[in-house]
N, C-alpha and C. Protein backbone atom coordinates (compact mmCIF):
# COMPACT_ATOMS: atom_id res chain seq x y z
N MET A 1 -17.15 48.76 197.40
CA MET A 1 -17.23 49.25 196.03
C MET A 1 -17.86 48.19 195.12
N ARG A 2 -17.44 46.95 195.34
CA ARG A 2 -17.95 45.87 194.51
C ARG A 2 -19.46 45.69 194.73
N GLU A 3 -19.88 45.83 195.98
CA GLU A 3 -21.30 45.69 196.29
C GLU A 3 -22.11 46.83 195.66
N TRP A 4 -21.56 48.04 195.71
CA TRP A 4 -22.23 49.20 195.11
C TRP A 4 -22.41 48.99 193.60
N TYR A 5 -21.37 48.48 192.96
CA TYR A 5 -21.45 48.25 191.51
C TYR A 5 -22.46 47.15 191.20
N ARG A 6 -22.49 46.11 192.01
CA ARG A 6 -23.43 45.02 191.79
C ARG A 6 -24.87 45.52 191.92
N GLU A 7 -25.15 46.34 192.93
CA GLU A 7 -26.48 46.91 193.10
C GLU A 7 -26.84 47.83 191.94
N LEU A 8 -25.88 48.60 191.50
CA LEU A 8 -26.10 49.50 190.37
C LEU A 8 -26.42 48.70 189.12
N ARG A 9 -25.71 47.61 188.91
CA ARG A 9 -25.93 46.76 187.74
C ARG A 9 -27.32 46.11 187.78
N GLU A 10 -27.72 45.65 188.96
CA GLU A 10 -29.05 45.05 189.10
C GLU A 10 -30.14 46.08 188.84
N ASP A 11 -29.96 47.28 189.36
CA ASP A 11 -30.92 48.35 189.12
C ASP A 11 -30.99 48.68 187.63
N TYR A 12 -29.85 48.67 186.98
CA TYR A 12 -29.81 48.93 185.53
C TYR A 12 -30.57 47.86 184.77
N ASN A 13 -30.35 46.60 185.09
CA ASN A 13 -31.03 45.51 184.39
C ASN A 13 -32.54 45.55 184.58
N VAL A 14 -33.00 46.04 185.72
CA VAL A 14 -34.43 46.10 186.00
C VAL A 14 -35.09 47.31 185.35
N SER A 15 -34.45 48.47 185.41
CA SER A 15 -35.14 49.71 185.04
C SER A 15 -34.71 50.33 183.72
N ARG A 16 -33.88 49.68 182.97
CA ARG A 16 -33.41 50.30 181.72
C ARG A 16 -34.47 50.20 180.63
N SER A 17 -34.38 51.11 179.68
CA SER A 17 -35.26 51.09 178.52
C SER A 17 -34.60 50.26 177.42
N TYR A 18 -35.40 49.92 176.43
CA TYR A 18 -34.89 49.16 175.30
C TYR A 18 -33.86 50.01 174.55
N HIS A 19 -32.74 49.44 174.18
CA HIS A 19 -31.63 50.10 173.47
C HIS A 19 -30.98 51.21 174.29
N GLU A 20 -31.05 51.16 175.60
CA GLU A 20 -30.42 52.17 176.44
C GLU A 20 -29.16 51.57 177.04
N GLY A 21 -28.02 52.18 176.76
CA GLY A 21 -26.76 51.70 177.28
C GLY A 21 -26.58 52.07 178.74
N PHE A 22 -25.58 51.45 179.36
CA PHE A 22 -25.35 51.68 180.79
C PHE A 22 -24.99 53.13 181.09
N CYS A 23 -24.09 53.71 180.30
CA CYS A 23 -23.67 55.09 180.55
C CYS A 23 -24.84 56.05 180.38
N GLU A 24 -25.61 55.86 179.34
CA GLU A 24 -26.78 56.72 179.11
C GLU A 24 -27.78 56.58 180.26
N TRP A 25 -28.03 55.36 180.68
CA TRP A 25 -28.95 55.11 181.78
C TRP A 25 -28.43 55.77 183.06
N TYR A 26 -27.15 55.63 183.34
CA TYR A 26 -26.57 56.19 184.57
C TYR A 26 -26.68 57.71 184.57
N ILE A 27 -26.37 58.34 183.44
CA ILE A 27 -26.43 59.80 183.38
C ILE A 27 -27.87 60.29 183.52
N LYS A 28 -28.82 59.61 182.89
CA LYS A 28 -30.22 60.05 182.95
C LYS A 28 -30.84 59.84 184.32
N ARG A 29 -30.51 58.72 184.99
CA ARG A 29 -31.28 58.35 186.17
C ARG A 29 -30.52 58.37 187.48
N LYS A 30 -29.22 58.15 187.47
CA LYS A 30 -28.51 57.99 188.73
C LYS A 30 -27.46 59.06 189.01
N ALA A 31 -26.93 59.69 187.98
CA ALA A 31 -25.82 60.62 188.19
C ALA A 31 -26.28 61.86 188.94
N PRO A 32 -25.43 62.38 189.83
CA PRO A 32 -25.77 63.64 190.51
C PRO A 32 -25.78 64.81 189.52
N ASP A 33 -26.40 65.90 189.92
CA ASP A 33 -26.50 67.06 189.04
C ASP A 33 -25.13 67.62 188.67
N SER A 34 -24.18 67.53 189.58
CA SER A 34 -22.84 68.06 189.29
C SER A 34 -22.20 67.31 188.13
N VAL A 35 -22.40 66.00 188.07
CA VAL A 35 -21.85 65.21 186.96
C VAL A 35 -22.54 65.60 185.66
N ARG A 36 -23.85 65.78 185.71
CA ARG A 36 -24.58 66.20 184.50
C ARG A 36 -24.13 67.58 184.04
N GLN A 37 -23.89 68.48 184.98
CA GLN A 37 -23.46 69.82 184.62
C GLN A 37 -22.06 69.79 184.01
N ILE A 38 -21.16 69.01 184.56
CA ILE A 38 -19.81 68.89 184.01
C ILE A 38 -19.87 68.31 182.60
N LEU A 39 -20.70 67.30 182.39
CA LEU A 39 -20.85 66.72 181.05
C LEU A 39 -21.43 67.73 180.07
N ALA A 40 -22.40 68.51 180.51
CA ALA A 40 -23.00 69.51 179.62
C ALA A 40 -21.98 70.56 179.22
N TYR A 41 -21.21 71.06 180.19
CA TYR A 41 -20.17 72.04 179.86
C TYR A 41 -19.11 71.45 178.96
N SER A 42 -18.73 70.21 179.22
CA SER A 42 -17.70 69.57 178.40
C SER A 42 -18.17 69.42 176.96
N ILE A 43 -19.40 68.97 176.78
CA ILE A 43 -19.93 68.82 175.42
C ILE A 43 -20.04 70.17 174.73
N PHE A 44 -20.48 71.20 175.46
CA PHE A 44 -20.60 72.53 174.88
C PHE A 44 -19.24 73.06 174.44
N PHE A 45 -18.25 73.01 175.33
CA PHE A 45 -16.94 73.55 174.98
C PHE A 45 -16.25 72.71 173.91
N PHE A 46 -16.50 71.41 173.89
CA PHE A 46 -15.95 70.59 172.82
C PHE A 46 -16.57 70.97 171.48
N GLY A 47 -17.87 71.27 171.48
CA GLY A 47 -18.53 71.74 170.26
C GLY A 47 -17.96 73.07 169.78
N VAL A 48 -17.72 73.98 170.73
CA VAL A 48 -17.11 75.27 170.37
C VAL A 48 -15.72 75.04 169.79
N TYR A 49 -14.96 74.14 170.42
CA TYR A 49 -13.61 73.82 169.94
C TYR A 49 -13.66 73.27 168.51
N LEU A 50 -14.57 72.34 168.26
CA LEU A 50 -14.69 71.78 166.91
C LEU A 50 -15.13 72.84 165.91
N TRP A 51 -16.06 73.70 166.30
CA TRP A 51 -16.55 74.74 165.39
C TRP A 51 -15.42 75.69 165.02
N THR A 52 -14.65 76.13 166.00
CA THR A 52 -13.56 77.07 165.69
C THR A 52 -12.50 76.39 164.84
N ASN A 53 -12.25 75.13 165.08
CA ASN A 53 -11.27 74.43 164.25
C ASN A 53 -11.78 74.24 162.83
N ILE A 54 -13.08 74.01 162.68
CA ILE A 54 -13.65 73.87 161.34
C ILE A 54 -13.54 75.21 160.61
N GLN A 55 -13.87 76.30 161.31
CA GLN A 55 -13.76 77.62 160.70
C GLN A 55 -12.31 77.90 160.30
N LEU A 56 -11.38 77.54 161.19
CA LEU A 56 -9.96 77.77 160.89
C LEU A 56 -9.51 76.94 159.71
N SER A 57 -9.94 75.69 159.65
CA SER A 57 -9.53 74.85 158.52
C SER A 57 -10.13 75.34 157.21
N ILE A 58 -11.38 75.82 157.25
CA ILE A 58 -11.99 76.37 156.04
C ILE A 58 -11.23 77.61 155.59
N LEU A 59 -10.84 78.46 156.54
CA LEU A 59 -10.07 79.66 156.21
C LEU A 59 -8.74 79.29 155.58
N LEU A 60 -8.06 78.29 156.14
CA LEU A 60 -6.77 77.88 155.59
C LEU A 60 -6.92 77.30 154.19
N ILE A 61 -7.98 76.54 153.96
CA ILE A 61 -8.22 76.00 152.62
C ILE A 61 -8.50 77.12 151.63
N GLU A 62 -9.29 78.11 152.06
CA GLU A 62 -9.58 79.24 151.17
C GLU A 62 -8.31 80.02 150.84
N LEU A 63 -7.50 80.30 151.85
CA LEU A 63 -6.25 81.03 151.61
C LEU A 63 -5.31 80.24 150.71
N GLY A 64 -5.25 78.94 150.92
CA GLY A 64 -4.42 78.10 150.06
C GLY A 64 -4.91 78.10 148.63
N SER A 65 -6.22 78.07 148.45
CA SER A 65 -6.78 78.09 147.09
C SER A 65 -6.49 79.42 146.40
N VAL A 66 -6.65 80.52 147.12
CA VAL A 66 -6.35 81.83 146.54
C VAL A 66 -4.87 81.93 146.20
N GLY A 67 -4.01 81.44 147.09
CA GLY A 67 -2.58 81.44 146.82
C GLY A 67 -2.23 80.62 145.59
N TYR A 68 -2.85 79.46 145.46
CA TYR A 68 -2.60 78.62 144.29
C TYR A 68 -3.04 79.31 143.01
N ILE A 69 -4.21 79.94 143.04
CA ILE A 69 -4.70 80.66 141.86
C ILE A 69 -3.75 81.79 141.48
N LEU A 70 -3.25 82.53 142.48
CA LEU A 70 -2.31 83.61 142.20
C LEU A 70 -1.00 83.09 141.60
N ILE A 71 -0.51 81.96 142.10
CA ILE A 71 0.72 81.38 141.55
C ILE A 71 0.50 80.95 140.10
N VAL A 72 -0.63 80.31 139.82
CA VAL A 72 -0.92 79.87 138.45
C VAL A 72 -1.03 81.08 137.52
N LEU A 73 -1.70 82.14 137.96
CA LEU A 73 -1.80 83.35 137.14
C LEU A 73 -0.42 83.97 136.90
N TYR A 74 0.41 84.01 137.92
CA TYR A 74 1.76 84.57 137.78
C TYR A 74 2.57 83.77 136.75
N GLU A 75 2.51 82.44 136.85
CA GLU A 75 3.25 81.61 135.89
C GLU A 75 2.69 81.77 134.48
N TRP A 76 1.39 81.90 134.34
CA TRP A 76 0.78 82.09 133.03
C TRP A 76 1.21 83.42 132.41
N ILE A 77 1.20 84.48 133.21
CA ILE A 77 1.65 85.79 132.71
C ILE A 77 3.13 85.75 132.36
N ARG A 78 3.93 85.08 133.16
CA ARG A 78 5.37 84.95 132.88
C ARG A 78 5.59 84.21 131.56
N ASP A 79 4.84 83.14 131.34
CA ASP A 79 4.98 82.39 130.08
C ASP A 79 4.58 83.25 128.88
N ILE A 80 3.53 84.05 129.05
CA ILE A 80 3.12 84.95 127.96
C ILE A 80 4.22 85.96 127.67
N ARG A 81 4.83 86.53 128.72
CA ARG A 81 5.91 87.50 128.53
C ARG A 81 7.11 86.87 127.82
N ILE A 82 7.47 85.66 128.24
CA ILE A 82 8.61 84.98 127.61
C ILE A 82 8.32 84.72 126.14
N ALA A 83 7.10 84.26 125.85
CA ALA A 83 6.73 84.01 124.45
C ALA A 83 6.73 85.31 123.65
N TYR A 84 6.28 86.40 124.24
CA TYR A 84 6.26 87.69 123.55
C TYR A 84 7.68 88.19 123.29
N GLN A 85 8.57 88.01 124.28
CA GLN A 85 9.97 88.44 124.10
C GLN A 85 10.65 87.61 123.01
N LYS A 86 10.37 86.32 122.97
CA LYS A 86 10.94 85.48 121.91
C LYS A 86 10.43 85.93 120.55
N LYS A 87 9.17 86.28 120.48
CA LYS A 87 8.57 86.74 119.24
C LYS A 87 9.23 88.05 118.78
N LEU A 88 9.50 88.96 119.72
CA LEU A 88 10.17 90.22 119.39
C LEU A 88 11.60 89.99 118.91
N LYS A 89 12.30 89.05 119.54
CA LYS A 89 13.68 88.74 119.13
C LYS A 89 13.70 88.19 117.71
N LYS A 90 12.75 87.32 117.41
CA LYS A 90 12.69 86.75 116.06
C LYS A 90 12.38 87.83 115.03
N ALA A 91 11.49 88.74 115.39
CA ALA A 91 11.13 89.82 114.46
C ALA A 91 12.29 90.79 114.27
N GLY A 92 13.13 90.97 115.29
CA GLY A 92 14.26 91.89 115.20
C GLY A 92 15.44 91.32 114.45
N GLU A 93 15.53 90.03 114.31
CA GLU A 93 16.68 89.41 113.62
C GLU A 93 16.59 89.44 112.16
């Protein structure tokens, strides 16, 4: 195993491009197709997972905002009713 890694490292030092990391180099040039396919599926499904979570979080924020607006409107209408009832009581006395 140690010899395999040493040979891989030497090949990397000889054939890598400028600013190319070891993992990127290995995936592009040495990894079998099955590893590339697994990585492609993983990245795709992780993107789908992130997209659905972003959509869910946006939906929750929207619902929370609508709920907050409804609560503020309810309290505002309640305050108007209380003020109107106080005004009627004063007028009746």
